[in-house]
Amino acid sequence: MTTDEPIRAAGAVIVRGSGDDAEVAVIYRPRYDDWTFPKGKLEPGEHVVAAAVREVREETGLTVTLGRPLPTVFYRPGGRLKRVDYWVARVAADAGFTPGDEVGELRWVPIGEAERLLSYSWDTPLLPALADAPLDTTPLVLVRHASAGSRDEWEGDDDARPLDRHGLAQAGVLSAVLPAWRPGRLLSSPSVRCVQTLEPYARISGLEIGVDPLLSEEGQDPRKTPALVSSLSGPAAVCSHRKVLPGLIQALAGEDVRLRKGGFAVLHRADGRVVAVEQHAT
């Protein structure tokens, strides 16, 4: 990393309740004598999504499920540019907050009152962004299979082409990231490389991977494939191919998204429509 690249950090604006009763979690840091949202720097090699969930858990004792992304925050502590990626989040589990040297207090504050408590001007734009779309969304994670070597160099049936070493590592990263959205349904193209991309998460979650030819390169259908994926009502992850995913995302979200191998897009749905799209590499 050069000094021109920003320090990377991640966190969440944790919300509880709804409507006029909605509150956000704000933390007090004795070292800085400030009030802010839970966040922290990425560890070496850590994915930004995994970092957001980890930092929230370490600072608050809360395990969260991420919702839609919020505006990225940039500021310069000590002259070095820092980038913080934030998400809306809901509490999935609470291990209890323990005050310490790093975080001395966790306070739930009505959204309309939080601005008066927050110490920094760069935090406050996150509050009106909460109203830009529904707070509660259902994630649909669309994954392009991880690296599987060269199609031209593979001598067997292309559907049997497995992940290479880099692809297996990408699948491992994905398994550390998907818990942020807790998909309860896994669906894949029948191709081995697609199934293998979801297998590490399937093992840790105890879920089975369903397969459907409509997600394959040969079996995709411009009407039936989007209908199949849109019928997944709960949080879900779907793995498919470069030749399938752009048209699928365009049909579902109206956006042109091109994913690299092992990359994924998260479509956040509410009231039958996609209200936010984010994309990531692994």
Protein backbone atom coordinates (compact mmCIF):
# COMPACT_ATOMS: atom_id res chain seq x y z
CA MET A 1 0.00 0.00 0.00
CA THR A 2 1.32 3.43 -0.89
CA THR A 3 0.68 6.57 1.10
CA ASP A 4 -1.66 7.71 -1.71
CA GLU A 5 -4.09 4.89 -0.96
CA PRO A 6 -6.63 5.45 1.81
CA ILE A 7 -6.68 3.60 5.08
CA ARG A 8 -9.61 1.17 4.79
CA ALA A 9 -12.16 0.72 7.55
CA ALA A 10 -15.70 -0.59 7.82
CA GLY A 11 -18.64 -0.40 10.16
CA ALA A 12 -22.40 -0.20 10.44
CA VAL A 13 -25.25 1.99 11.53
CA ILE A 14 -27.17 -0.47 13.67
CA VAL A 15 -30.89 0.19 13.81
CA ARG A 16 -33.54 -1.19 16.13
CA GLY A 17 -37.25 -0.51 15.99
CA SER A 18 -39.03 1.12 13.08
CA GLY A 19 -40.85 4.29 12.10
CA ASP A 20 -40.81 7.03 14.71
CA ASP A 21 -39.50 4.56 17.30
CA ALA A 22 -36.35 3.66 15.35
CA GLU A 23 -33.05 4.08 17.21
CA VAL A 24 -29.40 3.80 16.22
CA ALA A 25 -26.44 2.53 18.24
CA VAL A 26 -23.74 5.10 19.00
CA ILE A 27 -20.53 4.34 20.90
CA TYR A 28 -18.34 6.46 23.17
CA ARG A 29 -14.56 6.05 22.83
CA PRO A 30 -12.67 7.26 25.94
CA ARG A 31 -9.35 7.49 24.11
CA TYR A 32 -10.72 10.11 21.72
CA ASP A 33 -13.51 11.45 23.95
CA ASP A 34 -15.93 11.11 21.04
CA TRP A 35 -19.26 9.61 20.01
CA THR A 36 -19.39 7.78 16.70
CA PHE A 37 -20.73 4.70 14.94
CA PRO A 38 -18.99 1.34 15.47
CA LYS A 39 -16.25 0.78 12.91
CA GLY A 40 -12.63 -0.23 12.59
CA LYS A 41 -9.73 -0.87 10.24
CA LEU A 42 -9.52 -3.91 8.02
CA GLU A 43 -7.05 -6.58 9.05
CA PRO A 44 -4.46 -7.62 6.41
CA GLY A 45 -6.21 -9.59 3.68
CA GLU A 46 -9.64 -9.15 5.28
CA HIS A 47 -12.67 -8.46 3.10
CA VAL A 48 -14.40 -5.17 3.85
CA VAL A 49 -17.76 -6.87 4.46
CA ALA A 50 -16.28 -9.33 6.96
CA ALA A 51 -14.47 -6.45 8.65
CA ALA A 52 -17.70 -4.51 9.17
CA VAL A 53 -19.36 -7.43 10.96
CA ARG A 54 -16.26 -8.24 13.02
CA GLU A 55 -15.67 -4.66 14.16
CA VAL A 56 -19.28 -4.23 15.20
CA ARG A 57 -19.15 -7.45 17.22
CA GLU A 58 -15.85 -6.54 18.89
CA GLU A 59 -16.94 -3.02 19.84
CA THR A 60 -20.55 -3.67 20.85
CA GLY A 61 -21.02 -7.38 21.52
CA LEU A 62 -23.67 -7.40 18.78
CA THR A 63 -23.66 -9.81 15.86
CA VAL A 64 -25.43 -8.05 13.02
CA THR A 65 -26.96 -8.84 9.68
CA LEU A 66 -26.06 -6.25 7.07
CA GLY A 67 -28.66 -4.47 4.98
CA ARG A 68 -28.14 -2.01 2.16
CA PRO A 69 -24.93 0.01 1.91
CA LEU A 70 -24.79 3.58 3.15
CA PRO A 71 -22.68 6.44 1.73
CA THR A 72 -18.95 5.87 2.02
CA VAL A 73 -17.25 8.27 4.42
CA PHE A 74 -13.88 9.90 3.72
CA TYR A 75 -11.86 12.01 6.14
CA ARG A 76 -8.23 12.72 7.06
CA PRO A 77 -7.09 11.74 10.53
CA GLY A 78 -3.56 13.05 10.92
CA GLY A 79 -3.39 13.99 7.24
CA ARG A 80 -3.82 10.45 5.83
CA LEU A 81 -7.04 9.85 3.89
CA LYS A 82 -9.31 7.28 5.49
CA ARG A 83 -12.23 5.51 3.81
CA VAL A 84 -15.00 3.93 5.88
CA ASP A 85 -17.65 1.74 4.26
CA TYR A 86 -20.92 1.53 6.17
CA TRP A 87 -24.08 -0.55 5.99
CA VAL A 88 -27.46 -0.45 7.62
CA ALA A 89 -27.54 -3.33 10.10
CA ARG A 90 -29.96 -5.19 12.32
CA VAL A 91 -29.08 -7.16 15.46
CA ALA A 92 -29.01 -10.93 14.96
CA ALA A 93 -27.50 -11.85 18.34
CA ASP A 94 -26.45 -9.97 21.47
CA ALA A 95 -23.58 -11.28 23.60
CA GLY A 96 -23.86 -8.26 25.90
CA PHE A 97 -21.86 -5.04 25.88
CA THR A 98 -18.76 -4.87 28.10
CA PRO A 99 -17.24 -1.41 28.61
CA GLY A 100 -13.50 -1.20 28.03
CA ASP A 101 -10.65 1.11 27.18
CA GLU A 102 -11.60 1.20 23.51
CA VAL A 103 -15.38 1.58 23.86
CA GLY A 104 -16.70 2.89 27.15
CA GLU A 105 -20.43 3.15 26.43
CA LEU A 106 -23.03 1.92 23.96
CA ARG A 107 -26.09 4.11 23.70
CA TRP A 108 -29.30 3.65 21.68
CA VAL A 109 -30.49 7.01 20.43
CA PRO A 110 -33.58 8.02 18.40
CA ILE A 111 -32.52 8.74 14.82
CA GLY A 112 -33.75 12.32 15.07
CA GLU A 113 -31.56 12.98 18.12
CA ALA A 114 -28.39 11.18 17.07
CA GLU A 115 -26.90 14.14 15.18
CA ARG A 116 -26.64 16.14 18.42
CA LEU A 117 -24.63 13.37 20.05
CA LEU A 118 -22.26 12.49 17.20
CA SER A 119 -18.87 14.18 17.41
CA TYR A 120 -17.95 14.37 13.73
CA SER A 121 -19.55 16.10 10.77
CA TRP A 122 -18.66 13.20 8.45
CA ASP A 123 -20.87 10.83 10.46
CA THR A 124 -24.06 12.89 10.28
CA PRO A 125 -24.87 12.38 6.54
CA LEU A 126 -25.40 8.70 7.33
CA LEU A 127 -28.54 9.57 9.28
CA PRO A 128 -30.67 11.08 6.45
CA ALA A 129 -29.41 8.26 4.20
CA LEU A 130 -31.34 5.86 6.41
CA ALA A 131 -34.54 7.31 4.95
CA ASP A 132 -33.47 6.92 1.31
CA ALA A 133 -34.93 3.40 1.12
CA PRO A 134 -36.58 0.89 3.48
CA LEU A 135 -34.51 -0.02 6.52
CA ASP A 136 -35.37 -3.70 6.16
CA THR A 137 -34.35 -5.36 2.92
CA THR A 138 -33.92 -8.94 1.73
CA PRO A 139 -30.51 -9.74 0.21
CA LEU A 140 -30.03 -11.70 -2.99
CA VAL A 141 -26.33 -12.44 -3.50
CA LEU A 142 -25.42 -13.22 -7.12
CA VAL A 143 -21.98 -14.81 -7.43
CA ARG A 144 -19.80 -15.42 -10.46
CA HIS A 145 -17.96 -18.71 -9.97
CA ALA A 146 -14.40 -18.46 -8.71
CA SER A 147 -11.27 -19.05 -10.79
CA ALA A 148 -11.22 -22.43 -12.54
CA GLY A 149 -8.24 -22.24 -14.84
CA SER A 150 -8.44 -22.01 -18.62
CA ARG A 151 -11.38 -23.39 -20.55
CA ASP A 152 -9.05 -24.00 -23.53
CA GLU A 153 -6.60 -26.05 -21.46
CA TRP A 154 -9.28 -28.28 -19.91
CA GLU A 155 -9.64 -31.55 -21.84
CA GLY A 156 -12.79 -32.93 -20.26
CA ASP A 157 -16.43 -31.87 -20.12
CA ASP A 158 -16.40 -28.15 -19.36
CA ASP A 159 -19.17 -28.57 -16.77
CA ALA A 160 -16.74 -30.77 -14.81
CA ARG A 161 -13.95 -28.17 -14.76
CA PRO A 162 -13.07 -27.59 -11.08
CA LEU A 163 -11.77 -24.56 -9.22
CA ASP A 164 -8.04 -24.01 -9.26
CA ARG A 165 -5.98 -23.06 -6.21
CA HIS A 166 -6.84 -19.38 -6.52
CA GLY A 167 -10.51 -20.22 -6.98
CA LEU A 168 -10.55 -22.34 -3.82
CA ALA A 169 -9.08 -19.38 -1.93
CA GLN A 170 -11.78 -17.11 -3.38
CA ALA A 171 -14.46 -19.57 -2.27
CA GLY A 172 -12.98 -19.40 1.22
CA VAL A 173 -13.21 -15.62 1.23
CA LEU A 174 -16.82 -15.86 0.09
CA SER A 175 -17.61 -18.19 2.99
CA ALA A 176 -16.33 -15.51 5.39
CA VAL A 177 -18.43 -12.82 3.72
CA LEU A 178 -21.81 -14.50 3.16
CA PRO A 179 -22.64 -14.73 6.91
CA ALA A 180 -23.05 -10.94 6.81
CA TRP A 181 -26.31 -11.50 4.90
CA ARG A 182 -27.21 -14.96 6.25
CA PRO A 183 -28.53 -16.51 3.05
CA GLY A 184 -30.82 -19.41 3.90
CA ARG A 185 -31.03 -20.75 0.36
CA LEU A 186 -28.18 -21.68 -1.98
CA LEU A 187 -28.76 -22.21 -5.68
CA SER A 188 -26.18 -22.92 -8.37
CA SER A 189 -25.56 -23.78 -11.97
CA PRO A 190 -24.89 -27.53 -12.22
CA SER A 191 -21.28 -26.80 -13.29
CA VAL A 192 -18.74 -28.12 -10.79
CA ARG A 193 -16.94 -24.78 -10.55
CA CYS A 194 -20.17 -23.02 -9.53
CA VAL A 195 -21.13 -25.62 -6.92
CA GLN A 196 -17.60 -25.58 -5.49
CA THR A 197 -17.73 -21.80 -5.13
CA LEU A 198 -20.62 -22.12 -2.66
CA GLU A 199 -19.43 -25.29 -0.90
CA PRO A 200 -17.35 -23.68 1.89
CA TYR A 201 -20.30 -21.55 3.00
CA ALA A 202 -22.64 -24.54 2.64
CA ARG A 203 -20.44 -26.50 5.04
CA ILE A 204 -20.34 -23.85 7.75
CA SER A 205 -24.05 -23.02 7.41
CA GLY A 206 -25.33 -26.58 7.12
CA LEU A 207 -27.24 -25.71 3.95
CA GLU A 208 -27.61 -27.83 0.85
CA ILE A 209 -26.82 -26.42 -2.58
CA GLY A 210 -29.64 -26.73 -5.07
CA VAL A 211 -28.79 -26.83 -8.76
CA ASP A 212 -30.82 -25.69 -11.74
CA PRO A 213 -29.95 -25.87 -15.46
CA LEU A 214 -31.55 -22.45 -15.96
CA LEU A 215 -28.42 -21.01 -14.33
CA SER A 216 -26.05 -22.77 -16.73
CA GLU A 217 -24.52 -21.23 -19.83
CA GLU A 218 -26.39 -23.60 -22.14
CA GLY A 219 -29.67 -23.75 -20.25
CA GLN A 220 -30.22 -20.09 -19.41
CA ASP A 221 -33.44 -18.52 -20.64
CA PRO A 222 -33.95 -14.71 -20.76
CA ARG A 223 -37.42 -15.09 -19.23
CA LYS A 224 -37.27 -18.22 -17.11
CA THR A 225 -33.90 -17.61 -15.44
CA PRO A 226 -34.86 -14.20 -13.95
CA ALA A 227 -38.22 -15.65 -12.90
CA LEU A 228 -36.48 -18.54 -11.13
CA VAL A 229 -34.15 -16.24 -9.19
CA SER A 230 -36.77 -13.62 -8.37
CA SER A 231 -38.96 -16.35 -6.87
CA LEU A 232 -36.43 -16.82 -4.06
CA SER A 233 -38.32 -15.00 -1.34
CA GLY A 234 -35.83 -15.06 1.53
CA PRO A 235 -32.12 -14.25 1.79
CA ALA A 236 -30.38 -16.33 -0.87
CA ALA A 237 -27.09 -16.79 -2.72
CA VAL A 238 -26.96 -17.86 -6.36
CA CYS A 239 -23.84 -18.87 -8.30
CA SER A 240 -23.65 -18.76 -12.08
CA HIS A 241 -21.51 -17.71 -15.06
CA ARG A 242 -20.17 -14.65 -16.85
CA LYS A 243 -22.53 -15.28 -19.76
CA VAL A 244 -25.56 -15.48 -17.47
CA LEU A 245 -25.15 -12.92 -14.71
CA PRO A 246 -25.15 -9.56 -16.58
CA GLY A 247 -28.48 -10.29 -18.25
CA LEU A 248 -29.89 -11.68 -15.02
CA ILE A 249 -28.90 -8.59 -13.00
CA GLN A 250 -30.19 -6.30 -15.73
CA ALA A 251 -33.55 -8.09 -15.68
CA LEU A 252 -33.85 -8.00 -11.90
CA ALA A 253 -32.32 -4.61 -11.05
CA GLY A 254 -32.06 -2.65 -14.29
CA GLU A 255 -28.31 -2.15 -13.82
CA ASP A 256 -25.30 -3.11 -15.91
CA VAL A 257 -23.03 -5.06 -13.54
CA ARG A 258 -19.99 -7.02 -14.75
CA LEU A 259 -18.42 -9.31 -12.19
CA ARG A 260 -14.92 -10.73 -12.21
CA LYS A 261 -14.38 -14.39 -11.33
CA GLY A 262 -15.27 -14.91 -7.69
CA GLY A 263 -17.01 -11.52 -7.54
CA PHE A 264 -20.54 -11.00 -6.36
CA ALA A 265 -23.35 -8.48 -6.42
CA VAL A 266 -25.87 -8.03 -3.62
CA LEU A 267 -29.36 -6.99 -4.68
CA HIS A 268 -31.27 -5.54 -1.73
CA ARG A 269 -35.00 -6.08 -2.22
CA ALA A 270 -38.02 -4.54 -0.52
CA ASP A 271 -41.70 -4.56 -1.45
CA GLY A 272 -41.03 -6.54 -4.62
CA ARG A 273 -38.32 -4.27 -6.03
CA VAL A 274 -34.56 -3.86 -5.85
CA VAL A 275 -33.75 -0.73 -3.84
CA ALA A 276 -29.93 -0.99 -3.76
CA VAL A 277 -27.15 -2.87 -5.54
CA GLU A 278 -23.59 -3.33 -4.39
CA GLN A 279 -20.76 -5.36 -5.88
CA HIS A 280 -17.53 -6.79 -4.55
CA ALA A 281 -14.48 -8.79 -5.54
CA THR A 282 -13.04 -11.67 -3.51
